[in-house]
C-alpha atoms as a PDB file:
ATOM      1  CA  UNK A   1       1.602 -13.193  -7.201  1.00  0.00           C
ATOM      2  CA  UNK A   2       2.563 -10.234  -9.602  1.00  0.00           C
ATOM      3  CA  UNK A   3       0.127  -7.626 -10.363  1.00  0.00           C
ATOM      4  CA  UNK A   4       0.273  -6.335 -14.128  1.00  0.00           C
ATOM      5  CA  UNK A   5      -0.957  -2.873 -15.359  1.00  0.00           C
ATOM      6  CA  UNK A   6      -1.524  -2.867 -19.126  1.00  0.00           C
ATOM      7  CA  UNK A   7      -1.858   0.433 -20.906  1.00  0.00           C
ATOM      8  CA  UNK A   8      -3.717   1.764 -18.147  1.00  0.00           C
ATOM      9  CA  UNK A   9      -5.010   5.473 -18.344  1.00  0.00           C
ATOM     10  CA  UNK A  10      -6.989   7.252 -15.449  1.00  0.00           C
ATOM     11  CA  UNK A  11      -8.166  10.927 -14.762  1.00  0.00           C
ATOM     12  CA  UNK A  12     -10.405  11.992 -11.961  1.00  0.00           C
ATOM     13  CA  UNK A  13     -13.970  13.070 -13.053  1.00  0.00           C
ATOM     14  CA  UNK A  14     -14.864  14.971  -9.882  1.00  0.00           C
ATOM     15  CA  UNK A  15     -13.854  18.674  -9.372  1.00  0.00           C
ATOM     16  CA  UNK A  16     -13.501  17.609  -5.703  1.00  0.00           C
ATOM     17  CA  UNK A  17     -10.457  15.577  -6.459  1.00  0.00           C
ATOM     18  CA  UNK A  18      -8.841  17.505  -9.413  1.00  0.00           C
ATOM     19  CA  UNK A  19      -9.843  19.396 -12.428  1.00  0.00           C
ATOM     20  CA  UNK A  20     -11.934  17.082 -14.791  1.00  0.00           C
ATOM     21  CA  UNK A  21      -9.502  15.905 -17.470  1.00  0.00           C
ATOM     22  CA  UNK A  22      -6.204  15.969 -15.516  1.00  0.00           C
ATOM     23  CA  UNK A  23      -4.707  12.784 -16.414  1.00  0.00           C
ATOM     24  CA  UNK A  24      -3.034  10.850 -13.651  1.00  0.00           C
ATOM     25  CA  UNK A  25      -1.971   7.966 -15.701  1.00  0.00           C
ATOM     26  CA  UNK A  26      -1.652   7.598 -19.638  1.00  0.00           C
ATOM     27  CA  UNK A  27      -0.894   4.417 -21.494  1.00  0.00           C
ATOM     28  CA  UNK A  28       1.018   2.991 -18.002  1.00  0.00           C
ATOM     29  CA  UNK A  29       2.253  -0.331 -18.055  1.00  0.00           C
ATOM     30  CA  UNK A  30       3.929  -1.870 -15.240  1.00  0.00           C
ATOM     31  CA  UNK A  31       4.064  -5.290 -13.577  1.00  0.00           C
ATOM     32  CA  UNK A  32       4.459  -5.324  -9.599  1.00  0.00           C
ATOM     33  CA  UNK A  33       7.155  -7.634  -8.977  1.00  0.00           C
ATOM     34  CA  UNK A  34       6.678 -10.278  -6.234  1.00  0.00           C
ATOM     35  CA  UNK A  35       8.033  -9.952  -2.842  1.00  0.00           C
ATOM     36  CA  UNK A  36       8.187  -6.584  -1.075  1.00  0.00           C
ATOM     37  CA  UNK A  37       8.282  -3.433  -2.894  1.00  0.00           C
ATOM     38  CA  UNK A  38       8.532   0.245  -1.540  1.00  0.00           C
ATOM     39  CA  UNK A  39       7.095   2.838  -4.106  1.00  0.00           C
ATOM     40  CA  UNK A  40       8.660   6.045  -3.543  1.00  0.00           C
ATOM     41  CA  UNK A  41       7.334   9.510  -4.844  1.00  0.00           C
ATOM     42  CA  UNK A  42       6.517  13.096  -4.157  1.00  0.00           C
ATOM     43  CA  UNK A  43       3.051  13.923  -3.065  1.00  0.00           C
ATOM     44  CA  UNK A  44       0.853  13.937  -6.061  1.00  0.00           C
ATOM     45  CA  UNK A  45       2.808  11.346  -8.131  1.00  0.00           C
ATOM     46  CA  UNK A  46      -0.032   8.972  -8.303  1.00  0.00           C
ATOM     47  CA  UNK A  47       0.983   6.629  -5.651  1.00  0.00           C
ATOM     48  CA  UNK A  48      -2.402   6.551  -3.939  1.00  0.00           C
ATOM     49  CA  UNK A  49      -4.194   6.230  -7.340  1.00  0.00           C
ATOM     50  CA  UNK A  50      -1.955   3.455  -8.399  1.00  0.00           C
ATOM     51  CA  UNK A  51      -2.876   1.611  -5.070  1.00  0.00           C
ATOM     52  CA  UNK A  52      -6.528   2.286  -5.346  1.00  0.00           C
ATOM     53  CA  UNK A  53      -6.328   1.030  -9.090  1.00  0.00           C
ATOM     54  CA  UNK A  54      -4.529  -1.904  -7.939  1.00  0.00           C
ATOM     55  CA  UNK A  55      -6.976  -3.332  -5.460  1.00  0.00           C
ATOM     56  CA  UNK A  56      -9.869  -2.556  -7.601  1.00  0.00           C
ATOM     57  CA  UNK A  57     -11.494   0.276  -5.590  1.00  0.00           C
ATOM     58  CA  UNK A  58     -11.178   2.443  -8.952  1.00  0.00           C
ATOM     59  CA  UNK A  59     -11.708   1.552 -12.430  1.00  0.00           C
ATOM     60  CA  UNK A  60      -9.370   2.692 -15.002  1.00  0.00           C
ATOM     61  CA  UNK A  61     -10.505   4.876 -17.589  1.00  0.00           C
ATOM     62  CA  UNK A  62      -8.503   2.579 -20.149  1.00  0.00           C
ATOM     63  CA  UNK A  63      -6.624  -0.408 -20.023  1.00  0.00           C
ATOM     64  CA  UNK A  64      -6.454  -3.277 -17.533  1.00  0.00           C
ATOM     65  CA  UNK A  65      -5.003  -4.449 -14.386  1.00  0.00           C
ATOM     66  CA  UNK A  66      -4.996  -8.204 -13.425  1.00  0.00           C
ATOM     67  CA  UNK A  67      -3.116 -10.589 -11.191  1.00  0.00           C
ATOM     68  CA  UNK A  68      -1.037 -13.293 -12.651  1.00  0.00           C
ATOM     69  CA  UNK A  69      -3.062 -15.967 -14.643  1.00  0.00           C
ATOM     70  CA  UNK A  70      -6.138 -13.796 -14.974  1.00  0.00           C
ATOM     71  CA  UNK A  71      -7.315 -12.515 -18.175  1.00  0.00           C
ATOM     72  CA  UNK A  72      -7.907  -8.892 -18.921  1.00  0.00           C
ATOM     73  CA  UNK A  73     -11.586  -9.515 -19.742  1.00  0.00           C
ATOM     74  CA  UNK A  74     -12.530 -11.131 -16.357  1.00  0.00           C
ATOM     75  CA  UNK A  75     -13.194  -7.712 -14.770  1.00  0.00           C
ATOM     76  CA  UNK A  76     -12.584  -6.497 -11.483  1.00  0.00           C
ATOM     77  CA  UNK A  77     -13.668  -9.454  -9.444  1.00  0.00           C
ATOM     78  CA  UNK A  78     -10.443 -11.541  -9.341  1.00  0.00           C
ATOM     79  CA  UNK A  79      -8.618  -8.307  -8.568  1.00  0.00           C
ATOM     80  CA  UNK A  80     -10.485  -7.651  -5.592  1.00  0.00           C
ATOM     81  CA  UNK A  81     -10.183 -11.236  -4.434  1.00  0.00           C
ATOM     82  CA  UNK A  82      -6.610 -11.307  -4.808  1.00  0.00           C
ATOM     83  CA  UNK A  83      -5.545  -7.872  -3.257  1.00  0.00           C
ATOM     84  CA  UNK A  84      -6.199  -5.871  -0.114  1.00  0.00           C
ATOM     85  CA  UNK A  85      -5.311  -2.717   0.851  1.00  0.00           C
ATOM     86  CA  UNK A  86      -4.486  -0.519   4.105  1.00  0.00           C
ATOM     87  CA  UNK A  87      -5.554   3.108   2.979  1.00  0.00           C
ATOM     88  CA  UNK A  88      -3.534   6.060   4.151  1.00  0.00           C
ATOM     89  CA  UNK A  89      -6.120   7.219   6.667  1.00  0.00           C
ATOM     90  CA  UNK A  90      -7.485   4.957   9.119  1.00  0.00           C
ATOM     91  CA  UNK A  91     -11.012   6.063  10.672  1.00  0.00           C
ATOM     92  CA  UNK A  92     -12.082   4.796  13.924  1.00  0.00           C
ATOM     93  CA  UNK A  93     -15.498   3.659  13.823  1.00  0.00           C
ATOM     94  CA  UNK A  94     -17.548   5.377  16.755  1.00  0.00           C
ATOM     95  CA  UNK A  95     -18.264   2.702  19.284  1.00  0.00           C
ATOM     96  CA  UNK A  96     -16.504  -0.164  17.695  1.00  0.00           C
ATOM     97  CA  UNK A  97     -13.849  -2.138  19.575  1.00  0.00           C
ATOM     98  CA  UNK A  98     -10.583  -3.066  17.713  1.00  0.00           C
ATOM     99  CA  UNK A  99     -11.938  -6.675  17.054  1.00  0.00           C
ATOM    100  CA  UNK A 100     -15.308  -5.383  15.809  1.00  0.00           C
ATOM    101  CA  UNK A 101     -13.607  -2.929  13.349  1.00  0.00           C
ATOM    102  CA  UNK A 102     -11.538  -5.442  11.949  1.00  0.00           C
ATOM    103  CA  UNK A 103     -14.349  -8.097  11.843  1.00  0.00           C
ATOM    104  CA  UNK A 104     -16.392  -5.442   9.930  1.00  0.00           C
ATOM    105  CA  UNK A 105     -13.633  -5.187   7.248  1.00  0.00           C
ATOM    106  CA  UNK A 106     -13.649  -8.922   6.822  1.00  0.00           C
ATOM    107  CA  UNK A 107     -17.614  -9.035   6.777  1.00  0.00           C
ATOM    108  CA  UNK A 108     -17.477  -6.222   3.918  1.00  0.00           C
ATOM    109  CA  UNK A 109     -15.343  -8.485   1.911  1.00  0.00           C
ATOM    110  CA  UNK A 110     -17.779 -11.287   2.195  1.00  0.00           C
ATOM    111  CA  UNK A 111     -16.995 -13.183   5.257  1.00  0.00           C
ATOM    112  CA  UNK A 112     -19.922 -14.346   7.567  1.00  0.00           C
ATOM    113  CA  UNK A 113     -20.055 -12.993  11.061  1.00  0.00           C
ATOM    114  CA  UNK A 114     -18.632 -15.887  12.961  1.00  0.00           C
ATOM    115  CA  UNK A 115     -15.516 -16.396  10.535  1.00  0.00           C
ATOM    116  CA  UNK A 116     -15.042 -12.560  10.508  1.00  0.00           C
ATOM    117  CA  UNK A 117     -14.951 -12.323  14.357  1.00  0.00           C
ATOM    118  CA  UNK A 118     -12.374 -15.268  14.558  1.00  0.00           C
ATOM    119  CA  UNK A 119     -10.248 -13.778  11.766  1.00  0.00           C
ATOM    120  CA  UNK A 120     -10.310 -10.452  13.436  1.00  0.00           C
ATOM    121  CA  UNK A 121      -8.681 -12.023  16.485  1.00  0.00           C
ATOM    122  CA  UNK A 122      -5.942 -13.566  14.347  1.00  0.00           C
ATOM    123  CA  UNK A 123      -5.209 -10.429  12.523  1.00  0.00           C
ATOM    124  CA  UNK A 124      -5.006  -8.552  15.678  1.00  0.00           C
ATOM    125  CA  UNK A 125      -2.483 -10.974  17.016  1.00  0.00           C
ATOM    126  CA  UNK A 126      -0.435 -10.779  13.931  1.00  0.00           C
ATOM    127  CA  UNK A 127      -0.127  -6.989  14.400  1.00  0.00           C
ATOM    128  CA  UNK A 128       0.502  -7.137  18.293  1.00  0.00           C
ATOM    129  CA  UNK A 129      -2.769  -5.752  19.359  1.00  0.00           C
ATOM    130  CA  UNK A 130      -4.632  -9.105  20.808  1.00  0.00           C
ATOM    131  CA  UNK A 131      -4.569  -7.310  24.097  1.00  0.00           C
ATOM    132  CA  UNK A 132      -6.480  -4.415  22.700  1.00  0.00           C
ATOM    133  CA  UNK A 133      -9.031  -6.534  20.925  1.00  0.00           C
ATOM    134  CA  UNK A 134     -11.774  -5.364  23.402  1.00  0.00           C
ATOM    135  CA  UNK A 135     -10.536  -1.698  23.301  1.00  0.00           C
ATOM    136  CA  UNK A 136     -12.621   1.027  21.697  1.00  0.00           C
ATOM    137  CA  UNK A 137     -10.548   1.985  18.603  1.00  0.00           C
ATOM    138  CA  UNK A 138     -11.129   5.770  19.296  1.00  0.00           C
ATOM    139  CA  UNK A 139      -9.186   5.255  22.488  1.00  0.00           C
ATOM    140  CA  UNK A 140      -6.097   3.821  20.705  1.00  0.00           C
ATOM    141  CA  UNK A 141      -2.920   5.579  20.050  1.00  0.00           C
ATOM    142  CA  UNK A 142      -2.038   6.865  16.557  1.00  0.00           C
ATOM    143  CA  UNK A 143       0.572   3.803  16.207  1.00  0.00           C
ATOM    144  CA  UNK A 144      -1.811   1.500  17.439  1.00  0.00           C
ATOM    145  CA  UNK A 145      -4.593   2.691  14.994  1.00  0.00           C
ATOM    146  CA  UNK A 146      -2.072   2.297  12.154  1.00  0.00           C
ATOM    147  CA  UNK A 147      -1.835  -1.717  13.256  1.00  0.00           C
ATOM    148  CA  UNK A 148      -5.603  -1.698  13.294  1.00  0.00           C
ATOM    149  CA  UNK A 149      -5.637  -0.489   9.689  1.00  0.00           C
ATOM    150  CA  UNK A 150      -3.038  -3.366   8.807  1.00  0.00           C
ATOM    151  CA  UNK A 151      -5.030  -5.880  10.740  1.00  0.00           C
ATOM    152  CA  UNK A 152      -8.042  -4.887   8.333  1.00  0.00           C
ATOM    153  CA  UNK A 153      -5.857  -5.498   5.482  1.00  0.00           C
ATOM    154  CA  UNK A 154      -4.710  -8.865   6.623  1.00  0.00           C
ATOM    155  CA  UNK A 155      -8.008 -10.090   8.135  1.00  0.00           C
ATOM    156  CA  UNK A 156      -8.507 -12.489   5.097  1.00  0.00           C
ATOM    157  CA  UNK A 157      -6.082 -14.275   2.945  1.00  0.00           C
ATOM    158  CA  UNK A 158      -4.862 -12.268  -0.050  1.00  0.00           C
ATOM    159  CA  UNK A 159      -1.862 -12.624  -2.411  1.00  0.00           C
ATOM    160  CA  UNK A 160      -1.111  -9.072  -2.827  1.00  0.00           C
ATOM    161  CA  UNK A 161      -1.134  -6.505  -0.049  1.00  0.00           C
ATOM    162  CA  UNK A 162      -1.122  -2.651  -0.760  1.00  0.00           C
ATOM    163  CA  UNK A 163       0.084  -0.309   1.957  1.00  0.00           C
ATOM    164  CA  UNK A 164      -0.734   3.245   1.375  1.00  0.00           C
ATOM    165  CA  UNK A 165       1.693   5.802   3.609  1.00  0.00           C
ATOM    166  CA  UNK A 166       1.522   3.515   6.337  1.00  0.00           C
ATOM    167  CA  UNK A 167       4.030   5.236   8.612  1.00  0.00           C
ATOM    168  CA  UNK A 168       2.277   8.670   8.133  1.00  0.00           C
ATOM    169  CA  UNK A 169       2.172  10.568  11.089  1.00  0.00           C
ATOM    170  CA  UNK A 170       4.335   7.940  13.137  1.00  0.00           C
ATOM    171  CA  UNK A 171       7.328   8.919  14.972  1.00  0.00           C
ATOM    172  CA  UNK A 172      10.731   7.049  14.434  1.00  0.00           C
ATOM    173  CA  UNK A 173      10.145   4.430  17.030  1.00  0.00           C
ATOM    174  CA  UNK A 174       6.446   3.774  15.921  1.00  0.00           C
ATOM    175  CA  UNK A 175       8.047   3.569  12.269  1.00  0.00           C
ATOM    176  CA  UNK A 176      10.691   1.050  13.145  1.00  0.00           C
ATOM    177  CA  UNK A 177       7.836  -0.996  14.658  1.00  0.00           C
ATOM    178  CA  UNK A 178       5.929  -0.907  11.638  1.00  0.00           C
ATOM    179  CA  UNK A 179       8.906  -2.095   9.597  1.00  0.00           C
ATOM    180  CA  UNK A 180       9.361  -5.074  11.706  1.00  0.00           C
ATOM    181  CA  UNK A 181       5.485  -5.896  11.086  1.00  0.00           C
ATOM    182  CA  UNK A 182       6.143  -5.868   7.384  1.00  0.00           C
ATOM    183  CA  UNK A 183       9.241  -7.707   7.618  1.00  0.00           C
ATOM    184  CA  UNK A 184       7.354 -10.593   9.303  1.00  0.00           C
ATOM    185  CA  UNK A 185       4.570 -10.838   6.377  1.00  0.00           C
ATOM    186  CA  UNK A 186       4.879 -14.300   4.690  1.00  0.00           C
ATOM    187  CA  UNK A 187       7.190 -14.442   1.775  1.00  0.00           C
ATOM    188  CA  UNK A 188       4.454 -15.693  -0.436  1.00  0.00           C
ATOM    189  CA  UNK A 189       2.631 -12.388  -0.240  1.00  0.00           C
ATOM    190  CA  UNK A 190       3.487  -9.564  -2.738  1.00  0.00           C
ATOM    191  CA  UNK A 191       3.621  -6.415  -0.840  1.00  0.00           C
ATOM    192  CA  UNK A 192       3.664  -2.929  -2.106  1.00  0.00           C
ATOM    193  CA  UNK A 193       4.392  -0.111   0.579  1.00  0.00           C
ATOM    194  CA  UNK A 194       3.865   3.435  -0.668  1.00  0.00           C
ATOM    195  CA  UNK A 195       5.573   6.489   1.011  1.00  0.00           C
ATOM    196  CA  UNK A 196       7.102   9.646   0.375  1.00  0.00           C
ATOM    197  CA  UNK A 197       9.640   9.515   3.321  1.00  0.00           C
ATOM    198  CA  UNK A 198      12.912   7.996   1.726  1.00  0.00           C
ATOM    199  CA  UNK A 199      13.992   7.361   5.400  1.00  0.00           C
ATOM    200  CA  UNK A 200      11.317   4.220   5.047  1.00  0.00           C
ATOM    201  CA  UNK A 201      13.824   2.494   2.967  1.00  0.00           C
ATOM    202  CA  UNK A 202      15.148  -0.352   4.714  1.00  0.00           C
ATOM    203  CA  UNK A 203      16.629  -3.869   4.110  1.00  0.00           C
ATOM    204  CA  UNK A 204      13.064  -5.065   4.385  1.00  0.00           C
ATOM    205  CA  UNK A 205      12.325  -4.404   0.714  1.00  0.00           C
ATOM    206  CA  UNK A 206      13.443  -6.528  -2.275  1.00  0.00           C
ATOM    207  CA  UNK A 207      12.864  -3.728  -4.903  1.00  0.00           C
ATOM    208  CA  UNK A 208      12.649   0.006  -5.030  1.00  0.00           C
ATOM    209  CA  UNK A 209      10.253   2.078  -7.462  1.00  0.00           C
ATOM    210  CA  UNK A 210      10.295   5.633  -7.937  1.00  0.00           C
ATOM    211  CA  UNK A 211       7.044   7.108  -9.228  1.00  0.00           C
ATOM    212  CA  UNK A 212       6.643  10.930 -10.550  1.00  0.00           C
ATOM    213  CA  UNK A 213       3.826  12.345 -12.694  1.00  0.00           C
ATOM    214  CA  UNK A 214       2.251   8.906 -13.284  1.00  0.00           C
ATOM    215  CA  UNK A 215       5.546   7.395 -14.862  1.00  0.00           C
ATOM    216  CA  UNK A 216       8.128   4.974 -13.351  1.00  0.00           C
ATOM    217  CA  UNK A 217      11.359   6.820 -13.065  1.00  0.00           C
ATOM    218  CA  UNK A 218      13.252   3.949 -11.352  1.00  0.00           C
ATOM    219  CA  UNK A 219      12.910   0.318 -10.707  1.00  0.00           C
ATOM    220  CA  UNK A 220      15.887  -1.819  -9.348  1.00  0.00           C
ATOM    221  CA  UNK A 221      16.897  -3.176  -5.897  1.00  0.00           C
ATOM    222  CA  UNK A 222      17.902  -1.257  -2.721  1.00  0.00           C
ATOM    223  CA  UNK A 223      21.569  -1.237  -3.671  1.00  0.00           C
ATOM    224  CA  UNK A 224      21.040  -0.109  -7.399  1.00  0.00           C
ATOM    225  CA  UNK A 225      18.866   2.777  -5.880  1.00  0.00           C
ATOM    226  CA  UNK A 226      21.591   3.817  -3.405  1.00  0.00           C
ATOM    227  CA  UNK A 227      24.231   3.635  -6.245  1.00  0.00           C
ATOM    228  CA  UNK A 228      22.408   6.655  -8.011  1.00  0.00           C
ATOM    229  CA  UNK A 229      23.645   8.704  -5.258  1.00  0.00           C
ATOM    230  CA  UNK A 230      26.439  11.035  -6.378  1.00  0.00           C
ATOM    231  CA  UNK A 231      29.941  10.026  -4.824  1.00  0.00           C
ATOM    232  CA  UNK A 232      30.426  11.006  -1.337  1.00  0.00           C
ATOM    233  CA  UNK A 233      26.757  11.745  -0.427  1.00  0.00           C
ATOM    234  CA  UNK A 234      26.364  11.761   3.272  1.00  0.00           C
ATOM    235  CA  UNK A 235      22.648  10.624   3.079  1.00  0.00           C
ATOM    236  CA  UNK A 236      22.793   8.379   0.015  1.00  0.00           C
ATOM    237  CA  UNK A 237      18.963   7.281   0.081  1.00  0.00           C
ATOM    238  CA  UNK A 238      17.917  11.122   0.068  1.00  0.00           C
ATOM    239  CA  UNK A 239      20.507  11.871  -2.425  1.00  0.00           C
ATOM    240  CA  UNK A 240      19.616   9.086  -4.764  1.00  0.00           C
ATOM    241  CA  UNK A 241      15.732  10.199  -4.695  1.00  0.00           C
ATOM    242  CA  UNK A 242      16.644  13.616  -5.196  1.00  0.00           C
ATOM    243  CA  UNK A 243      19.275  12.635  -8.520  1.00  0.00           C
ATOM    244  CA  UNK A 244      16.542  10.479  -9.909  1.00  0.00           C
ATOM    245  CA  UNK A 245      13.745  13.123  -9.649  1.00  0.00           C
ATOM    246  CA  UNK A 246      15.816  16.303 -10.046  1.00  0.00           C
ATOM    247  CA  UNK A 247      13.511  19.139  -9.908  1.00  0.00           C
ATOM    248  CA  UNK A 248      10.387  17.244  -9.280  1.00  0.00           C
ATOM    249  CA  UNK A 249      11.875  16.167  -5.726  1.00  0.00           C
END
């Protein structure tokens, strides 16, 4: 399932985030392709805002966002049912086990307690944490906590999965493990992974998108992205990224 952004504009009204009137997006139109997409961009490019809008956590100032087959006028309900998000920061709920925290995420999305508990065990198994279901989340390692966050996004069926900086703070081995988890996600799920780390680019992804200042600067296959690197580049992914963004990299 693809996700469409149609003439979306958005700015933060609270001074705690940005100065009121600073537009993150203006007349932004884009269709998230099916398959697995990696979203690259510098800090402040609008990646987190894009994902939050895409899951219905925030309402655009103007324009509409909707899944395939849903009319613009249908509101945020269909969007929230179709999409799930793993936020950049995963917070351990004090006193909760891994199963309880994942089940709580399911309950917040409308599951009854019994279904939420069963779905939580299944989601933890999908991310390789079934042996830690009874462990307090506060005792888990950073990599395990990230997997709890992914389990929270996976706990109920969704057609669109949005992962915000899922490898932030992880060491190279943990990032590799996380990429394996993403690769194992079903082909019918549309997955968007936001990151500012170019080395997260891998054969896992079907599409590469580069976002800067609320605008799409590049969209294409990984091979097309790497082809943007100047000839003879020692690190082609990094060189392509810098070449596309120029002074904004």
